[in-house]
Amino acid sequence: MLQIPQAMVDRIVAHARRDHPDECCGVVAGRDGVPSRLFEMENAERSPTGFMFDSAEWLRVYREIDDADEDLLVVYHSHTATEAYPSRTDIRWSVNTPGTSWLLVSTRSADLELRSYTIEDGVVTEEEVKIT
């Protein structure tokens, strides 16, 4: 189960809607499974069908998380025309972030569609999202 504060969910959804029609992306860091910081990142692909962290920005964010003795808890991004479900690219990319939750927001309609998954060895498992 992913527990995440309402304020972070609000920021993620706002980020997704602001970057639409391109996908947005970012990460959430924290300790002991408790989210504490959200990093909105630039989608280096600037694409409606994919995302990629800018390598320099990703290195800076990763170092900030490591220097603060935090863990990478969540990778989030949006899908702009499809459901909030990991794509084949997401599943391939997830090998770079073992143990994290993949939080997806679909902006294909005005209705909120937010879901979270764990992806281990290519197996996608939906997890409950508890908004605190």
Foldseek 3Di string as FASTA:
>chain_A
DQEAAPVVVVVQVVQQVVLPVAKWKWFFKAPPRYTDDTDTFHFPVSHSADGDGDVVVVVVVVVVCVVVVIATAEIEMEHEQDAFDDDPVNLVVCVVRAPHKYWYWYNPDPDTHIWIWHHDPNDTDTDDYHHD
